[in-house]
């Protein structure tokens, strides 16, 4: 568990409410999400090839919807699930596997910096320069034989930048700069030759007839290992609740490097 002060910070920023929202959306879109989930699991299992079978870690394990934890448990000596919050239902589900372990960690390493910047601004109107945000490596990934970044790269910044936006701390270009820092720090932390990165790379906004009205790139850094990239389309929101009156799809990429 986190130290009480850090837990309070994460709660105020909005991390724990976000976990509930993910499950609610899954239940509304279960058929469309299951196709994406199946492709994610397949990529994870295929990525085991050639890896030592000591320790595997999943970054962004969440509700375990897209994590083939049973298969990983059979193949690896230790399976580590890392996320900012592990729902009790998930911990109960995994308890039957003695080699599955949990790490509660804020995966960007930027949360406290963001919270403090907003706090300072509210009190003094001083805007901490974006250049002062420094990457913090929350987990030493070098000790793992297989590292899986599971559908989080394009989402790591959202709660943090939304919090800063709500507090009117930075302009949109400055917030994009923070997003770039967060994504780059995550990519730099993934060890080469034993990592799998799965992430949304493009957002498609469409009308009710599924005619694309806008495509938006979601990754601000070049991805490693693009020669081994596979892609698919995730029908994320067909009920038009993410963007009113619009359907939202994501283009997803899985990269081994």
C-alpha atoms as a PDB file:
ATOM      1  CA  UNK A   1       0.000   0.000   0.000  1.00  0.00           C
ATOM      2  CA  UNK A   2       0.992   3.610  -0.495  1.00  0.00           C
ATOM      3  CA  UNK A   3       2.006   5.948   2.279  1.00  0.00           C
ATOM      4  CA  UNK A   4      -1.153   7.740   3.433  1.00  0.00           C
ATOM      5  CA  UNK A   5      -0.065  11.138   2.062  1.00  0.00           C
ATOM      6  CA  UNK A   6       0.628   9.713  -1.396  1.00  0.00           C
ATOM      7  CA  UNK A   7      -2.647   7.806  -1.392  1.00  0.00           C
ATOM      8  CA  UNK A   8      -4.426  11.090  -0.625  1.00  0.00           C
ATOM      9  CA  UNK A   9      -2.675  12.803  -3.523  1.00  0.00           C
ATOM     10  CA  UNK A  10      -3.666  10.057  -5.974  1.00  0.00           C
ATOM     11  CA  UNK A  11      -7.244  10.176  -4.752  1.00  0.00           C
ATOM     12  CA  UNK A  12      -7.455  13.959  -5.186  1.00  0.00           C
ATOM     13  CA  UNK A  13      -6.014  13.766  -8.684  1.00  0.00           C
ATOM     14  CA  UNK A  14      -8.744  11.250  -9.593  1.00  0.00           C
ATOM     15  CA  UNK A  15      -6.980   7.920 -10.110  1.00  0.00           C
ATOM     16  CA  UNK A  16      -9.400   5.697  -8.218  1.00  0.00           C
ATOM     17  CA  UNK A  17     -12.549   7.015  -9.899  1.00  0.00           C
ATOM     18  CA  UNK A  18     -10.963   6.280 -13.277  1.00  0.00           C
ATOM     19  CA  UNK A  19     -10.645   2.552 -12.496  1.00  0.00           C
ATOM     20  CA  UNK A  20     -14.401   2.311 -11.900  1.00  0.00           C
ATOM     21  CA  UNK A  21     -15.106   4.107 -15.162  1.00  0.00           C
ATOM     22  CA  UNK A  22     -13.086   1.584 -17.159  1.00  0.00           C
ATOM     23  CA  UNK A  23     -15.164  -1.347 -15.938  1.00  0.00           C
ATOM     24  CA  UNK A  24     -18.438   0.497 -16.530  1.00  0.00           C
ATOM     25  CA  UNK A  25     -17.472   1.199 -20.139  1.00  0.00           C
ATOM     26  CA  UNK A  26     -16.407  -2.413 -20.665  1.00  0.00           C
ATOM     27  CA  UNK A  27     -19.804  -3.651 -19.504  1.00  0.00           C
ATOM     28  CA  UNK A  28     -21.520  -1.307 -21.981  1.00  0.00           C
ATOM     29  CA  UNK A  29     -19.274  -2.349 -24.878  1.00  0.00           C
ATOM     30  CA  UNK A  30     -18.474  -5.938 -23.921  1.00  0.00           C
ATOM     31  CA  UNK A  31     -18.780  -7.504 -27.382  1.00  0.00           C
ATOM     32  CA  UNK A  32     -16.625  -4.887 -29.125  1.00  0.00           C
ATOM     33  CA  UNK A  33     -14.070  -4.796 -26.329  1.00  0.00           C
ATOM     34  CA  UNK A  34     -13.698  -8.584 -26.263  1.00  0.00           C
ATOM     35  CA  UNK A  35     -12.314  -8.581 -29.808  1.00  0.00           C
ATOM     36  CA  UNK A  36      -9.614  -6.103 -28.749  1.00  0.00           C
ATOM     37  CA  UNK A  37      -8.977  -8.010 -25.517  1.00  0.00           C
ATOM     38  CA  UNK A  38      -8.484 -11.255 -27.434  1.00  0.00           C
ATOM     39  CA  UNK A  39      -5.908  -9.647 -29.734  1.00  0.00           C
ATOM     40  CA  UNK A  40      -4.076  -8.163 -26.745  1.00  0.00           C
ATOM     41  CA  UNK A  41      -3.867 -11.528 -25.001  1.00  0.00           C
ATOM     42  CA  UNK A  42      -2.681 -13.197 -28.194  1.00  0.00           C
ATOM     43  CA  UNK A  43       0.113 -10.631 -28.575  1.00  0.00           C
ATOM     44  CA  UNK A  44       1.180 -11.131 -24.965  1.00  0.00           C
ATOM     45  CA  UNK A  45       1.361 -14.903 -25.301  1.00  0.00           C
ATOM     46  CA  UNK A  46       3.220 -14.732 -28.607  1.00  0.00           C
ATOM     47  CA  UNK A  47       5.702 -12.348 -27.004  1.00  0.00           C
ATOM     48  CA  UNK A  48       6.799 -15.044 -24.546  1.00  0.00           C
ATOM     49  CA  UNK A  49       8.738 -16.782 -27.314  1.00  0.00           C
ATOM     50  CA  UNK A  50      12.450 -16.732 -26.651  1.00  0.00           C
ATOM     51  CA  UNK A  51      12.124 -15.164 -23.206  1.00  0.00           C
ATOM     52  CA  UNK A  52      13.551 -16.625 -20.011  1.00  0.00           C
ATOM     53  CA  UNK A  53      10.742 -17.889 -17.806  1.00  0.00           C
ATOM     54  CA  UNK A  54      11.762 -16.366 -14.495  1.00  0.00           C
ATOM     55  CA  UNK A  55       9.882 -13.123 -13.823  1.00  0.00           C
ATOM     56  CA  UNK A  56       7.296 -11.348 -15.968  1.00  0.00           C
ATOM     57  CA  UNK A  57       5.714  -7.999 -15.166  1.00  0.00           C
ATOM     58  CA  UNK A  58       2.540  -6.447 -16.572  1.00  0.00           C
ATOM     59  CA  UNK A  59       2.427  -2.657 -16.404  1.00  0.00           C
ATOM     60  CA  UNK A  60      -1.188  -1.533 -16.291  1.00  0.00           C
ATOM     61  CA  UNK A  61      -2.798  -4.793 -15.204  1.00  0.00           C
ATOM     62  CA  UNK A  62      -6.002  -3.063 -14.070  1.00  0.00           C
ATOM     63  CA  UNK A  63      -9.030  -5.343 -14.047  1.00  0.00           C
ATOM     64  CA  UNK A  64      -7.046  -8.138 -15.795  1.00  0.00           C
ATOM     65  CA  UNK A  65      -9.475  -7.943 -18.699  1.00  0.00           C
ATOM     66  CA  UNK A  66      -6.680  -8.032 -21.285  1.00  0.00           C
ATOM     67  CA  UNK A  67      -4.092  -9.988 -19.287  1.00  0.00           C
ATOM     68  CA  UNK A  68      -3.809 -13.790 -19.806  1.00  0.00           C
ATOM     69  CA  UNK A  69      -2.738 -14.186 -16.186  1.00  0.00           C
ATOM     70  CA  UNK A  70      -3.514 -17.892 -15.950  1.00  0.00           C
ATOM     71  CA  UNK A  71      -1.260 -18.731 -18.884  1.00  0.00           C
ATOM     72  CA  UNK A  72       1.489 -16.428 -17.614  1.00  0.00           C
ATOM     73  CA  UNK A  73       1.265 -18.079 -14.207  1.00  0.00           C
ATOM     74  CA  UNK A  74       1.877 -21.485 -15.791  1.00  0.00           C
ATOM     75  CA  UNK A  75       4.802 -20.285 -17.908  1.00  0.00           C
ATOM     76  CA  UNK A  76       6.732 -18.036 -15.489  1.00  0.00           C
ATOM     77  CA  UNK A  77       8.147 -18.583 -12.029  1.00  0.00           C
ATOM     78  CA  UNK A  78       6.777 -15.212 -10.872  1.00  0.00           C
ATOM     79  CA  UNK A  79       4.072 -12.995 -12.361  1.00  0.00           C
ATOM     80  CA  UNK A  80       4.051  -9.377 -11.161  1.00  0.00           C
ATOM     81  CA  UNK A  81       1.020  -7.158 -11.772  1.00  0.00           C
ATOM     82  CA  UNK A  82       1.698  -3.430 -11.503  1.00  0.00           C
ATOM     83  CA  UNK A  83      -0.903  -0.674 -11.376  1.00  0.00           C
ATOM     84  CA  UNK A  84      -1.941   2.350  -9.350  1.00  0.00           C
ATOM     85  CA  UNK A  85      -4.843   0.381  -7.847  1.00  0.00           C
ATOM     86  CA  UNK A  86      -5.766  -3.298  -7.745  1.00  0.00           C
ATOM     87  CA  UNK A  87      -9.513  -3.852  -7.333  1.00  0.00           C
ATOM     88  CA  UNK A  88     -10.393  -6.339  -4.566  1.00  0.00           C
ATOM     89  CA  UNK A  89     -12.149  -8.523  -7.144  1.00  0.00           C
ATOM     90  CA  UNK A  90      -8.890  -8.805  -9.088  1.00  0.00           C
ATOM     91  CA  UNK A  91      -6.825  -9.671  -6.033  1.00  0.00           C
ATOM     92  CA  UNK A  92      -9.348 -12.352  -5.092  1.00  0.00           C
ATOM     93  CA  UNK A  93      -9.291 -13.754  -8.637  1.00  0.00           C
ATOM     94  CA  UNK A  94      -5.503 -13.995  -8.643  1.00  0.00           C
ATOM     95  CA  UNK A  95      -5.213 -15.365  -5.099  1.00  0.00           C
ATOM     96  CA  UNK A  96      -5.561 -18.944  -6.370  1.00  0.00           C
ATOM     97  CA  UNK A  97      -2.190 -18.582  -8.127  1.00  0.00           C
ATOM     98  CA  UNK A  98       0.627 -18.618  -5.593  1.00  0.00           C
ATOM     99  CA  UNK A  99       3.148 -17.071  -7.996  1.00  0.00           C
ATOM    100  CA  UNK A 100       1.081 -13.978  -8.874  1.00  0.00           C
ATOM    101  CA  UNK A 101       2.175 -10.902  -6.948  1.00  0.00           C
ATOM    102  CA  UNK A 102       0.995  -7.288  -6.915  1.00  0.00           C
ATOM    103  CA  UNK A 103       2.824  -3.963  -7.017  1.00  0.00           C
ATOM    104  CA  UNK A 104       0.796  -0.854  -6.244  1.00  0.00           C
ATOM    105  CA  UNK A 105       2.552   1.935  -8.102  1.00  0.00           C
ATOM    106  CA  UNK A 106       1.718   5.135  -9.961  1.00  0.00           C
ATOM    107  CA  UNK A 107       3.300   4.196 -13.254  1.00  0.00           C
ATOM    108  CA  UNK A 108       4.222   7.642 -14.607  1.00  0.00           C
ATOM    109  CA  UNK A 109       6.292   8.832 -11.649  1.00  0.00           C
ATOM    110  CA  UNK A 110       4.897  12.333 -12.313  1.00  0.00           C
ATOM    111  CA  UNK A 111       1.840  12.414 -10.005  1.00  0.00           C
ATOM    112  CA  UNK A 112       3.432  14.171  -7.042  1.00  0.00           C
ATOM    113  CA  UNK A 113       5.083  16.751  -9.299  1.00  0.00           C
ATOM    114  CA  UNK A 114       1.733  17.470 -10.961  1.00  0.00           C
ATOM    115  CA  UNK A 115      -0.109  17.719  -7.654  1.00  0.00           C
ATOM    116  CA  UNK A 116       2.497  20.058  -6.189  1.00  0.00           C
ATOM    117  CA  UNK A 117       2.469  22.264  -9.306  1.00  0.00           C
ATOM    118  CA  UNK A 118      -1.307  22.678  -9.019  1.00  0.00           C
ATOM    119  CA  UNK A 119      -1.073  23.314  -5.283  1.00  0.00           C
ATOM    120  CA  UNK A 120       1.586  26.012  -5.718  1.00  0.00           C
ATOM    121  CA  UNK A 121      -0.431  27.648  -8.498  1.00  0.00           C
ATOM    122  CA  UNK A 122      -3.617  27.768  -6.416  1.00  0.00           C
ATOM    123  CA  UNK A 123      -1.772  29.421  -3.536  1.00  0.00           C
ATOM    124  CA  UNK A 124       0.613  31.773  -5.339  1.00  0.00           C
ATOM    125  CA  UNK A 125      -0.361  31.825  -9.056  1.00  0.00           C
ATOM    126  CA  UNK A 126       3.222  30.766  -9.779  1.00  0.00           C
ATOM    127  CA  UNK A 127       3.387  28.365 -12.678  1.00  0.00           C
ATOM    128  CA  UNK A 128       6.097  25.750 -12.247  1.00  0.00           C
ATOM    129  CA  UNK A 129       7.996  25.670 -15.554  1.00  0.00           C
ATOM    130  CA  UNK A 130       7.232  22.547 -17.571  1.00  0.00           C
ATOM    131  CA  UNK A 131      10.985  22.106 -17.992  1.00  0.00           C
ATOM    132  CA  UNK A 132      11.241  21.375 -14.261  1.00  0.00           C
ATOM    133  CA  UNK A 133       9.144  18.204 -14.528  1.00  0.00           C
ATOM    134  CA  UNK A 134      11.634  15.368 -14.346  1.00  0.00           C
ATOM    135  CA  UNK A 135      11.086  11.689 -15.199  1.00  0.00           C
ATOM    136  CA  UNK A 136      11.039   9.363 -12.225  1.00  0.00           C
ATOM    137  CA  UNK A 137      11.437   5.629 -12.782  1.00  0.00           C
ATOM    138  CA  UNK A 138       8.836   4.044 -10.469  1.00  0.00           C
ATOM    139  CA  UNK A 139       9.992   0.418 -10.991  1.00  0.00           C
ATOM    140  CA  UNK A 140      13.373  -1.110 -11.807  1.00  0.00           C
ATOM    141  CA  UNK A 141      12.418  -3.193 -14.838  1.00  0.00           C
ATOM    142  CA  UNK A 142      15.878  -4.635 -15.455  1.00  0.00           C
ATOM    143  CA  UNK A 143      15.208  -7.554 -13.093  1.00  0.00           C
ATOM    144  CA  UNK A 144      12.359  -8.961 -15.227  1.00  0.00           C
ATOM    145  CA  UNK A 145      12.670 -11.424 -18.114  1.00  0.00           C
ATOM    146  CA  UNK A 146       9.561 -10.188 -19.928  1.00  0.00           C
ATOM    147  CA  UNK A 147       8.071  -6.697 -19.575  1.00  0.00           C
ATOM    148  CA  UNK A 148       4.575  -5.952 -20.881  1.00  0.00           C
ATOM    149  CA  UNK A 149       3.263  -2.404 -21.187  1.00  0.00           C
ATOM    150  CA  UNK A 150      -0.411  -3.211 -21.531  1.00  0.00           C
ATOM    151  CA  UNK A 151      -2.656  -0.602 -23.182  1.00  0.00           C
ATOM    152  CA  UNK A 152      -1.432   2.332 -21.089  1.00  0.00           C
ATOM    153  CA  UNK A 153       1.121   4.458 -22.984  1.00  0.00           C
ATOM    154  CA  UNK A 154      -1.418   6.844 -24.518  1.00  0.00           C
ATOM    155  CA  UNK A 155      -3.432   6.938 -21.272  1.00  0.00           C
ATOM    156  CA  UNK A 156      -0.658   7.612 -18.757  1.00  0.00           C
ATOM    157  CA  UNK A 157      -0.955  11.387 -19.003  1.00  0.00           C
ATOM    158  CA  UNK A 158      -4.733  11.794 -19.194  1.00  0.00           C
ATOM    159  CA  UNK A 159      -5.648  11.948 -15.507  1.00  0.00           C
ATOM    160  CA  UNK A 160      -2.656  14.166 -14.750  1.00  0.00           C
ATOM    161  CA  UNK A 161      -3.182  16.645 -17.588  1.00  0.00           C
ATOM    162  CA  UNK A 162      -6.949  16.747 -16.923  1.00  0.00           C
ATOM    163  CA  UNK A 163      -6.183  17.629 -13.297  1.00  0.00           C
ATOM    164  CA  UNK A 164      -3.856  20.440 -14.386  1.00  0.00           C
ATOM    165  CA  UNK A 165      -6.398  21.648 -16.944  1.00  0.00           C
ATOM    166  CA  UNK A 166      -9.150  21.747 -14.308  1.00  0.00           C
ATOM    167  CA  UNK A 167      -6.890  23.874 -12.126  1.00  0.00           C
ATOM    168  CA  UNK A 168      -6.066  26.197 -15.051  1.00  0.00           C
ATOM    169  CA  UNK A 169      -2.343  25.819 -14.474  1.00  0.00           C
ATOM    170  CA  UNK A 170      -1.027  25.433 -18.041  1.00  0.00           C
ATOM    171  CA  UNK A 171      -1.906  26.188 -21.634  1.00  0.00           C
ATOM    172  CA  UNK A 172      -2.745  23.357 -24.031  1.00  0.00           C
ATOM    173  CA  UNK A 173       0.715  23.472 -25.686  1.00  0.00           C
ATOM    174  CA  UNK A 174       2.328  23.224 -22.241  1.00  0.00           C
ATOM    175  CA  UNK A 175       0.105  20.282 -21.338  1.00  0.00           C
ATOM    176  CA  UNK A 176       1.166  18.588 -24.567  1.00  0.00           C
ATOM    177  CA  UNK A 177       4.757  19.091 -23.449  1.00  0.00           C
ATOM    178  CA  UNK A 178       3.987  17.254 -20.196  1.00  0.00           C
ATOM    179  CA  UNK A 179       2.325  14.447 -22.162  1.00  0.00           C
ATOM    180  CA  UNK A 180       5.448  14.107 -24.283  1.00  0.00           C
ATOM    181  CA  UNK A 181       7.629  13.898 -21.166  1.00  0.00           C
ATOM    182  CA  UNK A 182       5.423  11.194 -19.609  1.00  0.00           C
ATOM    183  CA  UNK A 183       5.327   9.072 -22.762  1.00  0.00           C
ATOM    184  CA  UNK A 184       9.055   9.389 -23.392  1.00  0.00           C
ATOM    185  CA  UNK A 185       9.885   8.442 -19.788  1.00  0.00           C
ATOM    186  CA  UNK A 186       7.759   5.301 -20.096  1.00  0.00           C
ATOM    187  CA  UNK A 187       9.284   4.276 -23.415  1.00  0.00           C
ATOM    188  CA  UNK A 188      12.821   4.898 -22.141  1.00  0.00           C
ATOM    189  CA  UNK A 189      12.152   2.731 -19.077  1.00  0.00           C
ATOM    190  CA  UNK A 190      11.169  -0.360 -21.088  1.00  0.00           C
ATOM    191  CA  UNK A 191      14.215  -2.653 -21.361  1.00  0.00           C
ATOM    192  CA  UNK A 192      15.229  -3.579 -24.888  1.00  0.00           C
ATOM    193  CA  UNK A 193      15.091  -7.138 -26.234  1.00  0.00           C
ATOM    194  CA  UNK A 194      12.526  -8.296 -23.673  1.00  0.00           C
ATOM    195  CA  UNK A 195       9.597  -5.874 -23.873  1.00  0.00           C
ATOM    196  CA  UNK A 196       6.165  -5.838 -25.470  1.00  0.00           C
ATOM    197  CA  UNK A 197       4.408  -2.496 -25.904  1.00  0.00           C
ATOM    198  CA  UNK A 198       0.677  -2.488 -26.642  1.00  0.00           C
ATOM    199  CA  UNK A 199      -0.937   0.926 -27.002  1.00  0.00           C
ATOM    200  CA  UNK A 200      -3.472   3.014 -28.876  1.00  0.00           C
ATOM    201  CA  UNK A 201      -1.665   5.003 -31.547  1.00  0.00           C
ATOM    202  CA  UNK A 202      -4.544   6.823 -33.236  1.00  0.00           C
ATOM    203  CA  UNK A 203      -8.051   7.938 -32.321  1.00  0.00           C
ATOM    204  CA  UNK A 204     -10.819   7.837 -34.913  1.00  0.00           C
ATOM    205  CA  UNK A 205     -13.908   9.975 -34.300  1.00  0.00           C
ATOM    206  CA  UNK A 206     -16.859   9.034 -36.518  1.00  0.00           C
ATOM    207  CA  UNK A 207     -20.483   9.924 -37.116  1.00  0.00           C
ATOM    208  CA  UNK A 208     -23.352   7.474 -36.606  1.00  0.00           C
ATOM    209  CA  UNK A 209     -22.717   5.983 -40.083  1.00  0.00           C
ATOM    210  CA  UNK A 210     -19.090   5.314 -39.069  1.00  0.00           C
ATOM    211  CA  UNK A 211     -17.721   7.922 -41.448  1.00  0.00           C
ATOM    212  CA  UNK A 212     -14.442   9.212 -40.009  1.00  0.00           C
ATOM    213  CA  UNK A 213     -14.570  12.934 -39.252  1.00  0.00           C
ATOM    214  CA  UNK A 214     -11.292  13.199 -37.364  1.00  0.00           C
ATOM    215  CA  UNK A 215      -8.137  11.161 -36.851  1.00  0.00           C
ATOM    216  CA  UNK A 216      -5.816  12.164 -34.031  1.00  0.00           C
ATOM    217  CA  UNK A 217      -2.371  10.705 -33.266  1.00  0.00           C
ATOM    218  CA  UNK A 218      -2.013   9.669 -29.624  1.00  0.00           C
ATOM    219  CA  UNK A 219       1.723   8.966 -29.352  1.00  0.00           C
ATOM    220  CA  UNK A 220       4.186  11.858 -29.453  1.00  0.00           C
ATOM    221  CA  UNK A 221       7.392   9.847 -29.663  1.00  0.00           C
ATOM    222  CA  UNK A 222       8.618   7.328 -32.204  1.00  0.00           C
ATOM    223  CA  UNK A 223       7.959   3.740 -31.213  1.00  0.00           C
ATOM    224  CA  UNK A 224      10.845   1.257 -31.113  1.00  0.00           C
ATOM    225  CA  UNK A 225      10.774  -2.004 -33.028  1.00  0.00           C
ATOM    226  CA  UNK A 226       8.266  -0.905 -35.659  1.00  0.00           C
ATOM    227  CA  UNK A 227       9.501  -3.622 -38.039  1.00  0.00           C
ATOM    228  CA  UNK A 228       7.708  -6.160 -35.813  1.00  0.00           C
ATOM    229  CA  UNK A 229       4.572  -4.070 -35.264  1.00  0.00           C
ATOM    230  CA  UNK A 230       1.086  -5.518 -35.641  1.00  0.00           C
ATOM    231  CA  UNK A 231      -2.048  -3.359 -35.569  1.00  0.00           C
ATOM    232  CA  UNK A 232      -5.803  -3.696 -35.192  1.00  0.00           C
ATOM    233  CA  UNK A 233      -8.894  -1.530 -34.660  1.00  0.00           C
ATOM    234  CA  UNK A 234     -10.553  -1.330 -31.241  1.00  0.00           C
ATOM    235  CA  UNK A 235     -14.241  -0.391 -31.329  1.00  0.00           C
ATOM    236  CA  UNK A 236     -13.952   1.578 -28.117  1.00  0.00           C
ATOM    237  CA  UNK A 237     -17.266   3.417 -27.890  1.00  0.00           C
ATOM    238  CA  UNK A 238     -20.191   2.706 -30.187  1.00  0.00           C
ATOM    239  CA  UNK A 239     -22.853   4.137 -27.858  1.00  0.00           C
ATOM    240  CA  UNK A 240     -21.571   7.696 -28.265  1.00  0.00           C
ATOM    241  CA  UNK A 241     -20.864   8.336 -24.604  1.00  0.00           C
ATOM    242  CA  UNK A 242     -17.159   9.213 -24.968  1.00  0.00           C
ATOM    243  CA  UNK A 243     -17.876  11.957 -27.501  1.00  0.00           C
ATOM    244  CA  UNK A 244     -21.558  12.951 -27.722  1.00  0.00           C
ATOM    245  CA  UNK A 245     -23.120  12.076 -31.089  1.00  0.00           C
ATOM    246  CA  UNK A 246     -19.892  10.380 -32.239  1.00  0.00           C
ATOM    247  CA  UNK A 247     -18.521   6.834 -32.306  1.00  0.00           C
ATOM    248  CA  UNK A 248     -14.914   6.365 -31.211  1.00  0.00           C
ATOM    249  CA  UNK A 249     -12.451   3.742 -32.459  1.00  0.00           C
ATOM    250  CA  UNK A 250      -8.764   3.381 -31.646  1.00  0.00           C
ATOM    251  CA  UNK A 251      -6.007   2.024 -33.840  1.00  0.00           C
ATOM    252  CA  UNK A 252      -3.918  -0.215 -31.601  1.00  0.00           C
ATOM    253  CA  UNK A 253      -0.323  -1.318 -32.102  1.00  0.00           C
ATOM    254  CA  UNK A 254       1.639  -4.171 -30.503  1.00  0.00           C
ATOM    255  CA  UNK A 255       5.417  -3.894 -30.794  1.00  0.00           C
ATOM    256  CA  UNK A 256       8.060  -6.383 -29.668  1.00  0.00           C
ATOM    257  CA  UNK A 257      11.493  -4.913 -29.053  1.00  0.00           C
END
